[in-house]
Amino acid sequence: MLIGAHVSTAGGLPTAVERGTALGCEAIQIFHQSPRAWRPTKFGPDDFDAFNAAFADSLLSSTVIHAVYLINTATPDDVIREKSLSSLLHAVRLGDAIGSGGVILHAGSRKQDPPDEAIARSGELVREVLAETERCPILFENTAGTQGPLGRDFAELAKLIEAAGGGERIGTCIDCCHLFASGFQILEPEELGSVVDDLDRIVGIGRLRALHVNDSAVPIGANRDKHANVGAGEMGPGGIATFLSEPRFDGLPALLETPGPDKRGADRAEVARAFQLREEGLAARGHR
């Protein structure tokens, strides 16, 4: 497992490598543009070369990109669709240029539309992006269980993947906070193992390319997406340790998106805490 965190690209793409290294990360996650605006960041070949050189000289092993939350691949609105298409294209092209392990995507909200219609729209948009890009995968992320956003359970993730063509460049990212908030019992190894069995049966474990490691600030089944620092929320140290030590997650980037001590994201101490909890989870399972 490659433990790391979301880091900023403020000051240029290579600064993300510097920040990840300073945090003690093995993997990093970045945004491709400001999460609060549609305007894409104008990265160019010099930026890509500088990032790739810095990455090659670092101890990092993985970079993933998180698509901005403004994107709604399922929208029936032509203006929002065009903006979403352009933004997702920007993200995946960046992923192509820097060798990213994937663009993590919240598919978006169906609003009041029937799920199947919204999923079909999402699939059409994602297929367009795949057709205009080269290599970088798109990874649908599970959501926290509310009715509007798509991806609330494994069956819906499977439908999103199928609608997007079901090719090798389509996968998924699983967030433990979202699982917990959706009502999944995942705090004990046997419980999580059963949930991962279901993921394998419905989606396919080979589709799983990345993890988000966040504790939950709300109780199980609350259907709200509110992150807490690792071990400091409703999942607690034991629940996070269980998630980090699941054998079928070995080798995957596991990224913290927590508030951190000052509401500016995970710090070095919290990343180290995640490594410690993984070791505790492995020990509890009887292996290291």
Protein backbone atom coordinates (compact mmCIF):
# COMPACT_ATOMS: atom_id res chain seq x y z
CA MET A 1 0.00 0.00 0.00
CA LEU A 2 1.24 3.47 -0.94
CA ILE A 3 0.13 5.86 1.79
CA GLY A 4 -0.03 9.57 1.02
CA ALA A 5 -2.22 12.64 0.92
CA HIS A 6 -3.82 15.30 -1.21
CA VAL A 7 -1.36 18.15 -1.79
CA SER A 8 -1.52 21.57 -3.39
CA THR A 9 0.06 22.55 -6.71
CA ALA A 10 0.25 26.23 -5.71
CA GLY A 11 3.45 27.63 -7.17
CA GLY A 12 3.60 25.06 -9.96
CA LEU A 13 3.21 21.35 -10.59
CA PRO A 14 6.62 20.33 -9.14
CA THR A 15 5.71 21.86 -5.78
CA ALA A 16 3.26 19.00 -5.30
CA VAL A 17 6.20 16.60 -5.28
CA GLU A 18 8.01 18.79 -2.75
CA ARG A 19 4.95 18.93 -0.50
CA GLY A 20 4.33 15.21 -0.71
CA THR A 21 7.95 14.48 0.11
CA ALA A 22 7.85 16.86 3.08
CA LEU A 23 4.78 15.01 4.42
CA GLY A 24 6.50 11.62 4.15
CA CYS A 25 4.15 10.39 1.43
CA GLU A 26 4.57 7.43 -0.87
CA ALA A 27 1.75 8.71 -3.12
CA ILE A 28 0.15 12.08 -3.78
CA GLN A 29 -3.15 13.39 -5.11
CA ILE A 30 -3.58 16.77 -6.80
CA PHE A 31 -6.33 18.87 -8.37
CA HIS A 32 -5.90 19.71 -12.06
CA GLN A 33 -7.37 23.18 -11.56
CA SER A 34 -8.91 25.28 -8.84
CA PRO A 35 -11.77 23.29 -7.30
CA ARG A 36 -13.80 26.48 -7.02
CA ALA A 37 -13.72 27.64 -10.65
CA TRP A 38 -14.25 26.23 -14.13
CA ARG A 39 -11.16 27.98 -15.51
CA PRO A 40 -8.46 25.38 -16.28
CA THR A 41 -4.90 25.87 -15.11
CA LYS A 42 -2.69 26.44 -18.15
CA PHE A 43 -0.06 23.76 -17.69
CA GLY A 44 2.34 23.25 -20.59
CA PRO A 45 5.22 21.01 -21.68
CA ASP A 46 7.73 22.76 -19.41
CA ASP A 47 5.45 22.14 -16.41
CA PHE A 48 5.10 18.48 -17.32
CA ASP A 49 8.85 18.05 -17.76
CA ALA A 50 9.57 19.74 -14.43
CA PHE A 51 7.01 17.61 -12.61
CA ASN A 52 8.22 14.38 -14.17
CA ALA A 53 11.85 15.20 -13.33
CA ALA A 54 10.98 16.05 -9.72
CA PHE A 55 8.87 12.90 -9.39
CA ALA A 56 11.64 10.71 -10.81
CA ASP A 57 14.09 12.15 -8.27
CA SER A 58 11.71 11.62 -5.34
CA LEU A 59 10.70 8.60 -3.27
CA LEU A 60 7.10 8.90 -4.46
CA SER A 61 5.61 5.96 -6.34
CA SER A 62 2.20 7.24 -7.47
CA THR A 63 0.33 10.39 -8.48
CA VAL A 64 -3.42 10.53 -8.93
CA ILE A 65 -5.53 13.50 -9.95
CA HIS A 66 -8.87 14.40 -8.40
CA ALA A 67 -11.32 15.91 -10.87
CA VAL A 68 -12.94 19.05 -9.48
CA TYR A 69 -16.30 18.73 -7.79
CA LEU A 70 -18.00 21.16 -10.18
CA ILE A 71 -18.07 18.45 -12.84
CA ASN A 72 -21.40 16.73 -13.38
CA THR A 73 -21.12 14.09 -16.07
CA ALA A 74 -24.83 13.26 -15.70
CA THR A 75 -26.25 16.74 -16.20
CA PRO A 76 -29.02 17.32 -18.76
CA ASP A 77 -27.97 20.99 -18.98
CA ASP A 78 -26.00 21.64 -22.18
CA VAL A 79 -23.89 24.45 -20.66
CA ILE A 80 -22.89 22.44 -17.59
CA ARG A 81 -22.23 19.42 -19.78
CA GLU A 82 -19.84 21.35 -22.00
CA LYS A 83 -18.00 22.78 -18.99
CA SER A 84 -17.83 19.33 -17.39
CA LEU A 85 -16.52 17.77 -20.59
CA SER A 86 -13.84 20.43 -20.97
CA SER A 87 -12.73 20.15 -17.33
CA LEU A 88 -12.56 16.34 -17.35
CA LEU A 89 -10.63 16.43 -20.63
CA HIS A 90 -8.15 18.83 -19.02
CA ALA A 91 -7.72 16.47 -16.06
CA VAL A 92 -7.16 13.34 -18.15
CA ARG A 93 -4.78 15.09 -20.54
CA LEU A 94 -2.76 16.22 -17.53
CA GLY A 95 -2.82 12.62 -16.33
CA ASP A 96 -1.48 11.49 -19.70
CA ALA A 97 1.34 14.03 -19.52
CA ILE A 98 2.54 13.18 -16.00
CA GLY A 99 1.93 9.42 -15.98
CA SER A 100 -0.88 9.60 -13.44
CA GLY A 101 -2.41 6.41 -12.10
CA GLY A 102 -5.87 7.84 -12.73
CA VAL A 103 -8.30 10.72 -12.54
CA ILE A 104 -10.66 10.20 -9.63
CA LEU A 105 -14.15 11.36 -10.54
CA HIS A 106 -17.38 12.05 -8.70
CA ALA A 107 -19.77 11.23 -11.52
CA GLY A 108 -22.18 13.96 -10.45
CA SER A 109 -25.80 14.30 -9.47
CA ARG A 110 -28.84 13.00 -11.27
CA LYS A 111 -31.00 15.63 -9.53
CA GLN A 112 -34.57 14.36 -9.91
CA ASP A 113 -33.97 12.36 -13.07
CA PRO A 114 -34.29 8.56 -13.19
CA PRO A 115 -30.93 6.94 -12.38
CA ASP A 116 -30.64 5.02 -15.65
CA GLU A 117 -31.09 8.16 -17.76
CA ALA A 118 -28.47 10.03 -15.74
CA ILE A 119 -26.03 7.12 -15.89
CA ALA A 120 -26.43 6.92 -19.67
CA ARG A 121 -25.58 10.63 -19.97
CA SER A 122 -22.55 10.15 -17.74
CA GLY A 123 -21.35 7.25 -19.83
CA GLU A 124 -21.65 9.21 -23.05
CA LEU A 125 -19.56 12.08 -21.69
CA VAL A 126 -16.87 9.81 -20.25
CA ARG A 127 -16.61 7.88 -23.51
CA GLU A 128 -16.00 11.18 -25.31
CA VAL A 129 -13.16 11.99 -22.93
CA LEU A 130 -11.60 8.55 -23.35
CA ALA A 131 -11.77 8.87 -27.13
CA GLU A 132 -9.86 12.16 -27.06
CA THR A 133 -7.14 11.08 -24.63
CA GLU A 134 -4.44 8.44 -24.64
CA ARG A 135 -3.78 6.42 -21.50
CA CYS A 136 -4.81 7.83 -18.13
CA PRO A 137 -7.68 5.93 -16.47
CA ILE A 138 -10.85 7.49 -15.09
CA LEU A 139 -11.80 6.18 -11.65
CA PHE A 140 -15.37 6.57 -10.41
CA GLU A 141 -15.49 7.24 -6.68
CA ASN A 142 -18.18 5.89 -4.37
CA THR A 143 -20.33 8.56 -2.72
CA ALA A 144 -21.64 8.91 0.82
CA GLY A 145 -25.06 7.40 0.24
CA THR A 146 -27.36 10.30 -0.56
CA GLN A 147 -29.89 9.76 -3.32
CA GLY A 148 -28.79 12.43 -5.82
CA PRO A 149 -25.06 11.86 -6.41
CA LEU A 150 -24.30 8.82 -8.54
CA GLY A 151 -22.10 6.04 -7.16
CA ARG A 152 -23.86 5.46 -3.85
CA ASP A 153 -23.33 1.68 -3.92
CA PHE A 154 -21.40 -0.96 -5.85
CA ALA A 155 -24.29 -1.70 -8.20
CA GLU A 156 -24.43 1.94 -9.26
CA LEU A 157 -20.64 2.06 -9.70
CA ALA A 158 -20.91 -1.02 -11.92
CA LYS A 159 -23.57 0.68 -14.04
CA LEU A 160 -21.42 3.82 -14.40
CA ILE A 161 -18.48 1.68 -15.52
CA GLU A 162 -20.60 -0.23 -18.02
CA ALA A 163 -22.13 2.97 -19.41
CA ALA A 164 -18.62 4.39 -19.89
CA GLY A 165 -17.73 1.43 -22.07
CA GLY A 166 -16.29 -0.93 -19.48
CA GLY A 167 -12.80 -0.76 -20.96
CA GLU A 168 -9.46 -1.10 -19.22
CA ARG A 169 -9.21 2.65 -18.66
CA ILE A 170 -12.30 2.69 -16.42
CA GLY A 171 -11.93 1.85 -12.75
CA THR A 172 -12.95 2.90 -9.30
CA CYS A 173 -11.68 4.60 -6.15
CA ILE A 174 -13.16 3.58 -2.80
CA ASP A 175 -13.38 6.05 0.10
CA CYS A 176 -13.75 4.41 3.51
CA CYS A 177 -15.56 7.44 4.98
CA HIS A 178 -18.14 7.24 2.19
CA LEU A 179 -18.59 3.50 2.71
CA PHE A 180 -19.13 4.02 6.43
CA ALA A 181 -21.50 6.96 5.94
CA SER A 182 -23.47 4.83 3.45
CA GLY A 183 -24.07 2.21 6.12
CA PHE A 184 -21.43 -0.39 5.25
CA GLN A 185 -20.08 -2.34 8.21
CA ILE A 186 -16.31 -2.11 7.70
CA LEU A 187 -14.72 -1.63 11.13
CA GLU A 188 -13.68 -5.26 11.69
CA PRO A 189 -11.57 -7.34 9.29
CA GLU A 190 -14.32 -9.90 8.71
CA GLU A 191 -16.87 -7.15 7.99
CA LEU A 192 -14.59 -5.30 5.59
CA GLY A 193 -13.62 -8.58 3.94
CA SER A 194 -17.27 -9.29 3.20
CA VAL A 195 -17.74 -5.81 1.73
CA VAL A 196 -14.66 -6.26 -0.48
CA ASP A 197 -16.06 -9.64 -1.58
CA ASP A 198 -19.18 -7.79 -2.73
CA LEU A 199 -17.07 -5.18 -4.51
CA ASP A 200 -15.23 -7.95 -6.33
CA ARG A 201 -18.44 -9.74 -7.28
CA ILE A 202 -20.31 -6.64 -8.49
CA VAL A 203 -17.57 -4.36 -9.85
CA GLY A 204 -14.45 -6.54 -9.99
CA ILE A 205 -11.45 -6.09 -7.73
CA GLY A 206 -9.31 -5.42 -10.77
CA ARG A 207 -11.22 -2.17 -11.27
CA LEU A 208 -10.03 -0.86 -7.90
CA ARG A 209 -7.09 1.46 -8.57
CA ALA A 210 -7.03 3.89 -5.61
CA LEU A 211 -8.29 4.45 -2.06
CA HIS A 212 -9.29 7.47 -0.03
CA VAL A 213 -8.52 7.17 3.67
CA ASN A 214 -10.71 9.47 5.73
CA ASP A 215 -12.37 8.98 9.08
CA SER A 216 -16.02 9.98 9.34
CA ALA A 217 -17.30 12.91 11.39
CA VAL A 218 -20.83 11.42 11.25
CA PRO A 219 -22.18 8.05 12.47
CA ILE A 220 -22.53 4.99 10.29
CA GLY A 221 -25.42 5.27 7.86
CA ALA A 222 -25.74 9.05 8.25
CA ASN A 223 -25.50 9.50 4.45
CA ARG A 224 -23.40 12.64 4.82
CA ASP A 225 -19.93 13.27 3.43
CA LYS A 226 -18.01 14.83 6.30
CA HIS A 227 -14.38 13.83 6.77
CA ALA A 228 -12.51 13.60 10.06
CA ASN A 229 -8.82 13.13 10.74
CA VAL A 230 -7.68 9.50 10.71
CA GLY A 231 -8.60 7.73 13.93
CA ALA A 232 -10.36 10.80 15.32
CA GLY A 233 -13.85 10.18 13.96
CA GLU A 234 -16.61 7.61 14.18
CA MET A 235 -14.51 4.88 12.55
CA GLY A 236 -11.79 5.34 15.13
CA PRO A 237 -8.22 4.01 15.10
CA GLY A 238 -9.36 0.40 14.84
CA GLY A 239 -11.58 1.01 11.84
CA ILE A 240 -8.91 2.91 9.96
CA ALA A 241 -6.36 0.21 10.85
CA THR A 242 -8.72 -2.42 9.45
CA PHE A 243 -9.12 -0.52 6.18
CA LEU A 244 -5.40 0.12 5.77
CA SER A 245 -4.51 -3.53 6.34
CA GLU A 246 -7.02 -5.19 3.99
CA PRO A 247 -4.83 -7.60 1.96
CA ARG A 248 -6.58 -6.94 -1.35
CA PHE A 249 -5.66 -3.25 -1.07
CA ASP A 250 -1.92 -3.98 -1.17
CA GLY A 251 -0.07 -1.91 -3.75
CA LEU A 252 -2.79 0.73 -4.13
CA PRO A 253 -2.33 4.44 -3.48
CA ALA A 254 -4.18 5.30 -0.25
CA LEU A 255 -4.68 9.05 -0.01
CA LEU A 256 -5.69 11.12 3.01
CA GLU A 257 -8.17 13.94 2.33
CA THR A 258 -8.65 14.89 5.96
CA PRO A 259 -9.11 18.36 7.47
CA GLY A 260 -5.78 18.14 9.28
CA PRO A 261 -4.94 19.95 12.51
CA ASP A 262 -5.43 23.43 11.04
CA LYS A 263 -8.13 22.71 8.40
CA ARG A 264 -5.49 22.85 5.66
CA GLY A 265 -5.15 19.14 5.04
CA ALA A 266 -3.15 16.29 6.48
CA ASP A 267 0.22 17.12 8.00
CA ARG A 268 3.33 14.97 8.40
CA ALA A 269 2.18 13.67 11.80
CA GLU A 270 -1.14 12.47 10.39
CA VAL A 271 0.52 10.74 7.44
CA ALA A 272 2.83 9.02 9.94
CA ARG A 273 -0.23 8.07 11.99
CA ALA A 274 -1.70 6.36 8.92
CA PHE A 275 1.48 4.31 8.49
CA GLN A 276 1.31 3.38 12.18
CA LEU A 277 -2.34 2.34 11.94
CA ARG A 278 -1.56 0.14 8.95
CA GLU A 279 1.11 -1.63 10.99
CA GLU A 280 -1.32 -2.06 13.87
CA GLY A 281 -3.93 -3.46 11.50
CA LEU A 282 -1.47 -5.93 10.00
CA ALA A 283 -0.38 -7.02 13.47
CA ALA A 284 -4.00 -7.57 14.51
CA ARG A 285 -4.48 -9.75 11.43
CA GLY A 286 -1.47 -11.79 12.48
CA HIS A 287 1.04 -10.71 9.85
CA ARG A 288 3.28 -7.78 9.07
